[in-house]
Amino acid sequence: SLDRADQAAAAQAMNNAYVAPVGQTVRWNNPESGNSGTVTTTRDGYSSSGGYCREYQQTINVGGRQQTAYGTACQAQDGTWQIQK
C-alpha cells in the first residue's frame, strides 16, 4: 500500500500530468519507501456536458510489483480535476 508521502507524490504527478502535453510521462518516486509510478495522458477531449477531459494511464510500483490503471479525469468549473467513475 502507499503511505502518505507516496500518495502525495502520486497526486502531484497526476496534477502535473493533467496540464502536460498529451503523451508526456510524469514520474514520481519516494526514496524512503522505494515506491514509484508514472502518469501519462493518452488523449484529451470534451465530455457530453462540454467539460475538458483527459484520459490517462497510471503505473504504480509497490514492493517490486507493478500495477497499471486507466482512467479519465475532467476539469470542474473551479479548475480542479475530478476522476470520472
PDB file of N, CA and C in Angstrom:
ATOM      1  N   SER A   1       0.842  -1.193   0.000  1.00  0.00           N
ATOM      2  CA  SER A   1       0.000   0.000   0.000  1.00  0.00           C
ATOM      3  C   SER A   1       0.880   1.247   0.000  1.00  0.00           C
ATOM      4  N   LEU A   2       0.283   2.353  -0.374  1.00  0.00           N
ATOM      5  CA  LEU A   2       1.013   3.612  -0.434  1.00  0.00           C
ATOM      6  C   LEU A   2       0.886   4.366   0.883  1.00  0.00           C
ATOM      7  N   ASP A   3       2.014   4.868   1.383  1.00  0.00           N
ATOM      8  CA  ASP A   3       1.942   5.692   2.587  1.00  0.00           C
ATOM      9  C   ASP A   3       1.556   7.122   2.183  1.00  0.00           C
ATOM     10  N   ARG A   4       1.457   8.002   3.164  1.00  0.00           N
ATOM     11  CA  ARG A   4       1.011   9.375   2.874  1.00  0.00           C
ATOM     12  C   ARG A   4       1.945  10.103   1.927  1.00  0.00           C
ATOM     13  N   ALA A   5       3.240   9.898   2.084  1.00  0.00           N
ATOM     14  CA  ALA A   5       4.207  10.552   1.194  1.00  0.00           C
ATOM     15  C   ALA A   5       4.059  10.032  -0.235  1.00  0.00           C
ATOM     16  N   ASP A   6       3.832   8.712  -0.370  1.00  0.00           N
ATOM     17  CA  ASP A   6       3.593   8.127  -1.699  1.00  0.00           C
ATOM     18  C   ASP A   6       2.343   8.747  -2.320  1.00  0.00           C
ATOM     19  N   GLN A   7       1.273   8.810  -1.534  1.00  0.00           N
ATOM     20  CA  GLN A   7       0.009   9.344  -2.027  1.00  0.00           C
ATOM     21  C   GLN A   7       0.149  10.802  -2.456  1.00  0.00           C
ATOM     22  N   ALA A   8       0.889  11.576  -1.685  1.00  0.00           N
ATOM     23  CA  ALA A   8       1.107  12.980  -2.031  1.00  0.00           C
ATOM     24  C   ALA A   8       1.909  13.102  -3.322  1.00  0.00           C
ATOM     25  N   ALA A   9       2.938  12.288  -3.474  1.00  0.00           N
ATOM     26  CA  ALA A   9       3.759  12.336  -4.690  1.00  0.00           C
ATOM     27  C   ALA A   9       2.948  11.895  -5.902  1.00  0.00           C
ATOM     28  N   ALA A  10       2.134  10.859  -5.743  1.00  0.00           N
ATOM     29  CA  ALA A  10       1.302  10.372  -6.843  1.00  0.00           C
ATOM     30  C   ALA A  10       0.261  11.424  -7.227  1.00  0.00           C
ATOM     31  N   ALA A  11      -0.339  12.078  -6.245  1.00  0.00           N
ATOM     32  CA  ALA A  11      -1.336  13.115  -6.521  1.00  0.00           C
ATOM     33  C   ALA A  11      -0.704  14.296  -7.255  1.00  0.00           C
ATOM     34  N   GLN A  12       0.498  14.680  -6.853  1.00  0.00           N
ATOM     35  CA  GLN A  12       1.185  15.781  -7.530  1.00  0.00           C
ATOM     36  C   GLN A  12       1.510  15.397  -8.974  1.00  0.00           C
ATOM     37  N   ALA A  13       1.920  14.157  -9.195  1.00  0.00           N
ATOM     38  CA  ALA A  13       2.198  13.685 -10.557  1.00  0.00           C
ATOM     39  C   ALA A  13       0.924  13.721 -11.404  1.00  0.00           C
ATOM     40  N   MET A  14      -0.208  13.320 -10.817  1.00  0.00           N
ATOM     41  CA  MET A  14      -1.478  13.367 -11.546  1.00  0.00           C
ATOM     42  C   MET A  14      -1.799  14.810 -11.944  1.00  0.00           C
ATOM     43  N   ASN A  15      -1.692  15.729 -11.002  1.00  0.00           N
ATOM     44  CA  ASN A  15      -1.983  17.136 -11.296  1.00  0.00           C
ATOM     45  C   ASN A  15      -1.053  17.678 -12.380  1.00  0.00           C
ATOM     46  N   ASN A  16       0.210  17.290 -12.347  1.00  0.00           N
ATOM     47  CA  ASN A  16       1.159  17.731 -13.381  1.00  0.00           C
ATOM     48  C   ASN A  16       0.814  17.127 -14.736  1.00  0.00           C
ATOM     49  N   ALA A  17       0.368  15.870 -14.741  1.00  0.00           N
ATOM     50  CA  ALA A  17       0.026  15.201 -15.994  1.00  0.00           C
ATOM     51  C   ALA A  17      -1.202  15.828 -16.650  1.00  0.00           C
ATOM     52  N   TYR A  18      -2.134  16.316 -15.838  1.00  0.00           N
ATOM     53  CA  TYR A  18      -3.343  16.927 -16.397  1.00  0.00           C
ATOM     54  C   TYR A  18      -3.042  18.148 -17.249  1.00  0.00           C
ATOM     55  N   VAL A  19      -1.939  18.825 -16.981  1.00  0.00           N
ATOM     56  CA  VAL A  19      -1.605  20.034 -17.740  1.00  0.00           C
ATOM     57  C   VAL A  19      -0.408  19.835 -18.672  1.00  0.00           C
ATOM     58  N   ALA A  20       0.203  18.660 -18.639  1.00  0.00           N
ATOM     59  CA  ALA A  20       1.337  18.360 -19.519  1.00  0.00           C
ATOM     60  C   ALA A  20       0.813  18.030 -20.922  1.00  0.00           C
ATOM     61  N   PRO A  21       1.660  18.134 -21.918  1.00  0.00           N
ATOM     62  CA  PRO A  21       1.243  17.735 -23.266  1.00  0.00           C
ATOM     63  C   PRO A  21       0.810  16.268 -23.299  1.00  0.00           C
ATOM     64  N   VAL A  22      -0.194  15.971 -24.111  1.00  0.00           N
ATOM     65  CA  VAL A  22      -0.647  14.589 -24.266  1.00  0.00           C
ATOM     66  C   VAL A  22       0.538  13.736 -24.704  1.00  0.00           C
ATOM     67  N   GLY A  23       0.706  12.603 -24.051  1.00  0.00           N
ATOM     68  CA  GLY A  23       1.794  11.683 -24.366  1.00  0.00           C
ATOM     69  C   GLY A  23       3.017  11.848 -23.488  1.00  0.00           C
ATOM     70  N   GLN A  24       3.114  12.949 -22.755  1.00  0.00           N
ATOM     71  CA  GLN A  24       4.262  13.157 -21.869  1.00  0.00           C
ATOM     72  C   GLN A  24       4.065  12.376 -20.574  1.00  0.00           C
ATOM     73  N   THR A  25       5.083  11.659 -20.159  1.00  0.00           N
ATOM     74  CA  THR A  25       5.032  10.873 -18.933  1.00  0.00           C
ATOM     75  C   THR A  25       5.572  11.687 -17.766  1.00  0.00           C
ATOM     76  N   VAL A  26       4.798  11.718 -16.689  1.00  0.00           N
ATOM     77  CA  VAL A  26       5.211  12.384 -15.449  1.00  0.00           C
ATOM     78  C   VAL A  26       5.531  11.290 -14.441  1.00  0.00           C
ATOM     79  N   ARG A  27       6.713  11.359 -13.857  1.00  0.00           N
ATOM     80  CA  ARG A  27       7.178  10.324 -12.920  1.00  0.00           C
ATOM     81  C   ARG A  27       7.194  10.841 -11.490  1.00  0.00           C
ATOM     82  N   TRP A  28       7.007   9.913 -10.560  1.00  0.00           N
ATOM     83  CA  TRP A  28       7.161  10.238  -9.144  1.00  0.00           C
ATOM     84  C   TRP A  28       7.874   9.081  -8.478  1.00  0.00           C
ATOM     85  N   ASN A  29       8.540   9.366  -7.359  1.00  0.00           N
ATOM     86  CA  ASN A  29       9.132   8.300  -6.553  1.00  0.00           C
ATOM     87  C   ASN A  29       9.303   8.788  -5.123  1.00  0.00           C
ATOM     88  N   ASN A  30       9.362   7.830  -4.245  1.00  0.00           N
ATOM     89  CA  ASN A  30       9.580   8.108  -2.833  1.00  0.00           C
ATOM     90  C   ASN A  30      10.773   7.263  -2.403  1.00  0.00           C
ATOM     91  N   PRO A  31      11.958   7.858  -2.274  1.00  0.00           N
ATOM     92  CA  PRO A  31      13.156   7.094  -1.922  1.00  0.00           C
ATOM     93  C   PRO A  31      13.035   6.391  -0.574  1.00  0.00           C
ATOM     94  N   GLU A  32      12.241   6.940   0.328  1.00  0.00           N
ATOM     95  CA  GLU A  32      12.111   6.327   1.653  1.00  0.00           C
ATOM     96  C   GLU A  32      11.358   5.006   1.602  1.00  0.00           C
ATOM     97  N   SER A  33      10.291   4.937   0.803  1.00  0.00           N
ATOM     98  CA  SER A  33       9.506   3.697   0.717  1.00  0.00           C
ATOM     99  C   SER A  33       9.971   2.807  -0.424  1.00  0.00           C
ATOM    100  N   GLY A  34      10.648   3.400  -1.417  1.00  0.00           N
ATOM    101  CA  GLY A  34      11.047   2.647  -2.602  1.00  0.00           C
ATOM    102  C   GLY A  34       9.937   2.547  -3.634  1.00  0.00           C
ATOM    103  N   ASN A  35       8.780   3.154  -3.368  1.00  0.00           N
ATOM    104  CA  ASN A  35       7.657   3.102  -4.296  1.00  0.00           C
ATOM    105  C   ASN A  35       7.775   4.209  -5.330  1.00  0.00           C
ATOM    106  N   SER A  36       7.185   3.967  -6.497  1.00  0.00           N
ATOM    107  CA  SER A  36       7.274   4.933  -7.586  1.00  0.00           C
ATOM    108  C   SER A  36       6.105   4.728  -8.530  1.00  0.00           C
ATOM    109  N   GLY A  37       6.028   5.605  -9.520  1.00  0.00           N
ATOM    110  CA  GLY A  37       4.975   5.455 -10.509  1.00  0.00           C
ATOM    111  C   GLY A  37       5.106   6.465 -11.625  1.00  0.00           C
ATOM    112  N   THR A  38       4.206   6.329 -12.590  1.00  0.00           N
ATOM    113  CA  THR A  38       4.152   7.247 -13.722  1.00  0.00           C
ATOM    114  C   THR A  38       2.693   7.548 -14.042  1.00  0.00           C
ATOM    115  N   VAL A  39       2.494   8.685 -14.667  1.00  0.00           N
ATOM    116  CA  VAL A  39       1.181   9.054 -15.198  1.00  0.00           C
ATOM    117  C   VAL A  39       1.418   9.619 -16.585  1.00  0.00           C
ATOM    118  N   THR A  40       0.673   9.102 -17.572  1.00  0.00           N
ATOM    119  CA  THR A  40       0.787   9.586 -18.943  1.00  0.00           C
ATOM    120  C   THR A  40      -0.607   9.878 -19.468  1.00  0.00           C
ATOM    121  N   THR A  41      -0.857  11.117 -19.901  1.00  0.00           N
ATOM    122  CA  THR A  41      -2.129  11.400 -20.551  1.00  0.00           C
ATOM    123  C   THR A  41      -2.059  10.819 -21.959  1.00  0.00           C
ATOM    124  N   THR A  42      -3.136  10.154 -22.361  1.00  0.00           N
ATOM    125  CA  THR A  42      -3.137   9.474 -23.649  1.00  0.00           C
ATOM    126  C   THR A  42      -4.040  10.129 -24.682  1.00  0.00           C
ATOM    127  N   ARG A  43      -5.002  10.945 -24.193  1.00  0.00           N
ATOM    128  CA  ARG A  43      -5.928  11.598 -25.117  1.00  0.00           C
ATOM    129  C   ARG A  43      -6.669  12.685 -24.364  1.00  0.00           C
ATOM    130  N   ASP A  44      -7.069  13.733 -25.073  1.00  0.00           N
ATOM    131  CA  ASP A  44      -7.909  14.740 -24.446  1.00  0.00           C
ATOM    132  C   ASP A  44      -9.121  15.009 -25.318  1.00  0.00           C
ATOM    133  N   GLY A  45     -10.107  15.664 -24.733  1.00  0.00           N
ATOM    134  CA  GLY A  45     -11.342  15.959 -25.451  1.00  0.00           C
ATOM    135  C   GLY A  45     -12.334  16.599 -24.502  1.00  0.00           C
ATOM    136  N   TYR A  46     -13.601  16.528 -24.866  1.00  0.00           N
ATOM    137  CA  TYR A  46     -14.645  17.173 -24.082  1.00  0.00           C
ATOM    138  C   TYR A  46     -15.755  16.181 -23.763  1.00  0.00           C
ATOM    139  N   SER A  47     -16.304  16.316 -22.569  1.00  0.00           N
ATOM    140  CA  SER A  47     -17.416  15.467 -22.149  1.00  0.00           C
ATOM    141  C   SER A  47     -18.697  15.915 -22.855  1.00  0.00           C
ATOM    142  N   SER A  48     -19.760  15.130 -22.705  1.00  0.00           N
ATOM    143  CA  SER A  48     -21.038  15.483 -23.327  1.00  0.00           C
ATOM    144  C   SER A  48     -21.591  16.793 -22.770  1.00  0.00           C
ATOM    145  N   SER A  49     -21.165  17.167 -21.547  1.00  0.00           N
ATOM    146  CA  SER A  49     -21.623  18.428 -20.965  1.00  0.00           C
ATOM    147  C   SER A  49     -20.673  19.587 -21.296  1.00  0.00           C
ATOM    148  N   GLY A  50     -19.638  19.311 -22.077  1.00  0.00           N
ATOM    149  CA  GLY A  50     -18.729  20.362 -22.518  1.00  0.00           C
ATOM    150  C   GLY A  50     -17.493  20.559 -21.672  1.00  0.00           C
ATOM    151  N   GLY A  51     -17.293  19.739 -20.633  1.00  0.00           N
ATOM    152  CA  GLY A  51     -16.117  19.856 -19.781  1.00  0.00           C
ATOM    153  C   GLY A  51     -14.870  19.281 -20.448  1.00  0.00           C
ATOM    154  N   TYR A  52     -13.732  19.895 -20.196  1.00  0.00           N
ATOM    155  CA  TYR A  52     -12.461  19.427 -20.738  1.00  0.00           C
ATOM    156  C   TYR A  52     -12.011  18.192 -19.963  1.00  0.00           C
ATOM    157  N   CYS A  53     -11.667  17.127 -20.683  1.00  0.00           N
ATOM    158  CA  CYS A  53     -11.292  15.861 -20.058  1.00  0.00           C
ATOM    159  C   CYS A  53     -10.001  15.322 -20.662  1.00  0.00           C
ATOM    160  N   ARG A  54      -9.334  14.480 -19.874  1.00  0.00           N
ATOM    161  CA  ARG A  54      -8.118  13.805 -20.342  1.00  0.00           C
ATOM    162  C   ARG A  54      -8.149  12.354 -19.887  1.00  0.00           C
ATOM    163  N   GLU A  55      -7.820  11.462 -20.809  1.00  0.00           N
ATOM    164  CA  GLU A  55      -7.643  10.059 -20.459  1.00  0.00           C
ATOM    165  C   GLU A  55      -6.191   9.860 -20.083  1.00  0.00           C
ATOM    166  N   TYR A  56      -5.937   8.941 -19.157  1.00  0.00           N
ATOM    167  CA  TYR A  56      -4.578   8.730 -18.699  1.00  0.00           C
ATOM    168  C   TYR A  56      -4.324   7.258 -18.402  1.00  0.00           C
ATOM    169  N   GLN A  57      -3.043   6.936 -18.370  1.00  0.00           N
ATOM    170  CA  GLN A  57      -2.570   5.621 -17.927  1.00  0.00           C
ATOM    171  C   GLN A  57      -1.660   5.872 -16.736  1.00  0.00           C
ATOM    172  N   GLN A  58      -1.857   5.105 -15.686  1.00  0.00           N
ATOM    173  CA  GLN A  58      -1.066   5.267 -14.465  1.00  0.00           C
ATOM    174  C   GLN A  58      -0.439   3.929 -14.105  1.00  0.00           C
ATOM    175  N   THR A  59       0.840   3.955 -13.769  1.00  0.00           N
ATOM    176  CA  THR A  59       1.504   2.759 -13.239  1.00  0.00           C
ATOM    177  C   THR A  59       2.001   3.076 -11.837  1.00  0.00           C
ATOM    178  N   ILE A  60       1.907   2.088 -10.976  1.00  0.00           N
ATOM    179  CA  ILE A  60       2.402   2.230  -9.606  1.00  0.00           C
ATOM    180  C   ILE A  60       3.247   1.006  -9.300  1.00  0.00           C
ATOM    181  N   ASN A  61       4.447   1.239  -8.773  1.00  0.00           N
ATOM    182  CA  ASN A  61       5.365   0.168  -8.387  1.00  0.00           C
ATOM    183  C   ASN A  61       5.474   0.159  -6.868  1.00  0.00           C
ATOM    184  N   VAL A  62       4.962  -0.903  -6.260  1.00  0.00           N
ATOM    185  CA  VAL A  62       4.972  -1.045  -4.806  1.00  0.00           C
ATOM    186  C   VAL A  62       5.584  -2.396  -4.466  1.00  0.00           C
ATOM    187  N   GLY A  63       6.651  -2.365  -3.688  1.00  0.00           N
ATOM    188  CA  GLY A  63       7.274  -3.613  -3.257  1.00  0.00           C
ATOM    189  C   GLY A  63       7.709  -4.507  -4.399  1.00  0.00           C
ATOM    190  N   GLY A  64       8.156  -3.903  -5.493  1.00  0.00           N
ATOM    191  CA  GLY A  64       8.623  -4.680  -6.636  1.00  0.00           C
ATOM    192  C   GLY A  64       7.512  -5.174  -7.554  1.00  0.00           C
ATOM    193  N   ARG A  65       6.264  -4.847  -7.246  1.00  0.00           N
ATOM    194  CA  ARG A  65       5.140  -5.248  -8.086  1.00  0.00           C
ATOM    195  C   ARG A  65       4.570  -4.018  -8.783  1.00  0.00           C
ATOM    196  N   GLN A  66       4.267  -4.170 -10.057  1.00  0.00           N
ATOM    197  CA  GLN A  66       3.732  -3.054 -10.831  1.00  0.00           C
ATOM    198  C   GLN A  66       2.259  -3.277 -11.133  1.00  0.00           C
ATOM    199  N   GLN A  67       1.479  -2.229 -10.969  1.00  0.00           N
ATOM    200  CA  GLN A  67       0.064  -2.250 -11.332  1.00  0.00           C
ATOM    201  C   GLN A  67      -0.194  -1.112 -12.292  1.00  0.00           C
ATOM    202  N   THR A  68      -1.076  -1.361 -13.259  1.00  0.00           N
ATOM    203  CA  THR A  68      -1.421  -0.358 -14.256  1.00  0.00           C
ATOM    204  C   THR A  68      -2.918  -0.093 -14.195  1.00  0.00           C
ATOM    205  N   ALA A  69      -3.289   1.157 -14.328  1.00  0.00           N
ATOM    206  CA  ALA A  69      -4.694   1.541 -14.342  1.00  0.00           C
ATOM    207  C   ALA A  69      -4.910   2.585 -15.437  1.00  0.00           C
ATOM    208  N   TYR A  70      -6.128   2.648 -15.901  1.00  0.00           N
ATOM    209  CA  TYR A  70      -6.519   3.614 -16.917  1.00  0.00           C
ATOM    210  C   TYR A  70      -7.715   4.385 -16.385  1.00  0.00           C
ATOM    211  N   GLY A  71      -7.831   5.645 -16.759  1.00  0.00           N
ATOM    212  CA  GLY A  71      -8.965   6.421 -16.300  1.00  0.00           C
ATOM    213  C   GLY A  71      -9.140   7.692 -17.095  1.00  0.00           C
ATOM    214  N   THR A  72     -10.165   8.435 -16.699  1.00  0.00           N
ATOM    215  CA  THR A  72     -10.473   9.721 -17.300  1.00  0.00           C
ATOM    216  C   THR A  72     -10.707  10.719 -16.180  1.00  0.00           C
ATOM    217  N   ALA A  73     -10.157  11.899 -16.342  1.00  0.00           N
ATOM    218  CA  ALA A  73     -10.388  12.987 -15.396  1.00  0.00           C
ATOM    219  C   ALA A  73     -10.897  14.185 -16.182  1.00  0.00           C
ATOM    220  N   CYS A  74     -11.878  14.881 -15.597  1.00  0.00           N
ATOM    221  CA  CYS A  74     -12.437  16.065 -16.238  1.00  0.00           C
ATOM    222  C   CYS A  74     -12.267  17.260 -15.313  1.00  0.00           C
ATOM    223  N   GLN A  75     -12.058  18.397 -15.927  1.00  0.00           N
ATOM    224  CA  GLN A  75     -11.836  19.620 -15.171  1.00  0.00           C
ATOM    225  C   GLN A  75     -13.178  20.235 -14.781  1.00  0.00           C
ATOM    226  N   ALA A  76     -13.337  20.513 -13.493  1.00  0.00           N
ATOM    227  CA  ALA A  76     -14.548  21.148 -12.980  1.00  0.00           C
ATOM    228  C   ALA A  76     -14.496  22.648 -13.240  1.00  0.00           C
ATOM    229  N   GLN A  77     -15.609  23.308 -13.050  1.00  0.00           N
ATOM    230  CA  GLN A  77     -15.678  24.753 -13.287  1.00  0.00           C
ATOM    231  C   GLN A  77     -14.722  25.534 -12.398  1.00  0.00           C
ATOM    232  N   ASP A  78     -14.410  24.983 -11.210  1.00  0.00           N
ATOM    233  CA  ASP A  78     -13.486  25.692 -10.310  1.00  0.00           C
ATOM    234  C   ASP A  78     -12.019  25.408 -10.632  1.00  0.00           C
ATOM    235  N   GLY A  79     -11.768  24.642 -11.707  1.00  0.00           N
ATOM    236  CA  GLY A  79     -10.404  24.359 -12.142  1.00  0.00           C
ATOM    237  C   GLY A  79      -9.805  23.086 -11.593  1.00  0.00           C
ATOM    238  N   THR A  80     -10.458  22.459 -10.613  1.00  0.00           N
ATOM    239  CA  THR A  80      -9.955  21.198 -10.077  1.00  0.00           C
ATOM    240  C   THR A  80     -10.286  20.062 -11.043  1.00  0.00           C
ATOM    241  N   TRP A  81      -9.547  18.973 -10.907  1.00  0.00           N
ATOM    242  CA  TRP A  81      -9.763  17.803 -11.746  1.00  0.00           C
ATOM    243  C   TRP A  81     -10.476  16.729 -10.949  1.00  0.00           C
ATOM    244  N   GLN A  82     -11.460  16.106 -11.589  1.00  0.00           N
ATOM    245  CA  GLN A  82     -12.248  15.052 -10.946  1.00  0.00           C
ATOM    246  C   GLN A  82     -12.110  13.776 -11.769  1.00  0.00           C
ATOM    247  N   ILE A  83     -11.700  12.704 -11.119  1.00  0.00           N
ATOM    248  CA  ILE A  83     -11.622  11.413 -11.791  1.00  0.00           C
ATOM    249  C   ILE A  83     -13.037  10.916 -12.014  1.00  0.00           C
ATOM    250  N   GLN A  84     -13.317  10.486 -13.227  1.00  0.00           N
ATOM    251  CA  GLN A  84     -14.646  10.003 -13.589  1.00  0.00           C
ATOM    252  C   GLN A  84     -14.774   8.526 -13.259  1.00  0.00           C
ATOM    253  N   LYS A  85     -15.911   8.120 -12.780  1.00  0.00           N
ATOM    254  CA  LYS A  85     -16.135   6.716 -12.425  1.00  0.00           C
ATOM    255  C   LYS A  85     -16.968   6.018 -13.452  1.00  0.00           C
TER     256      LYS A  85
END
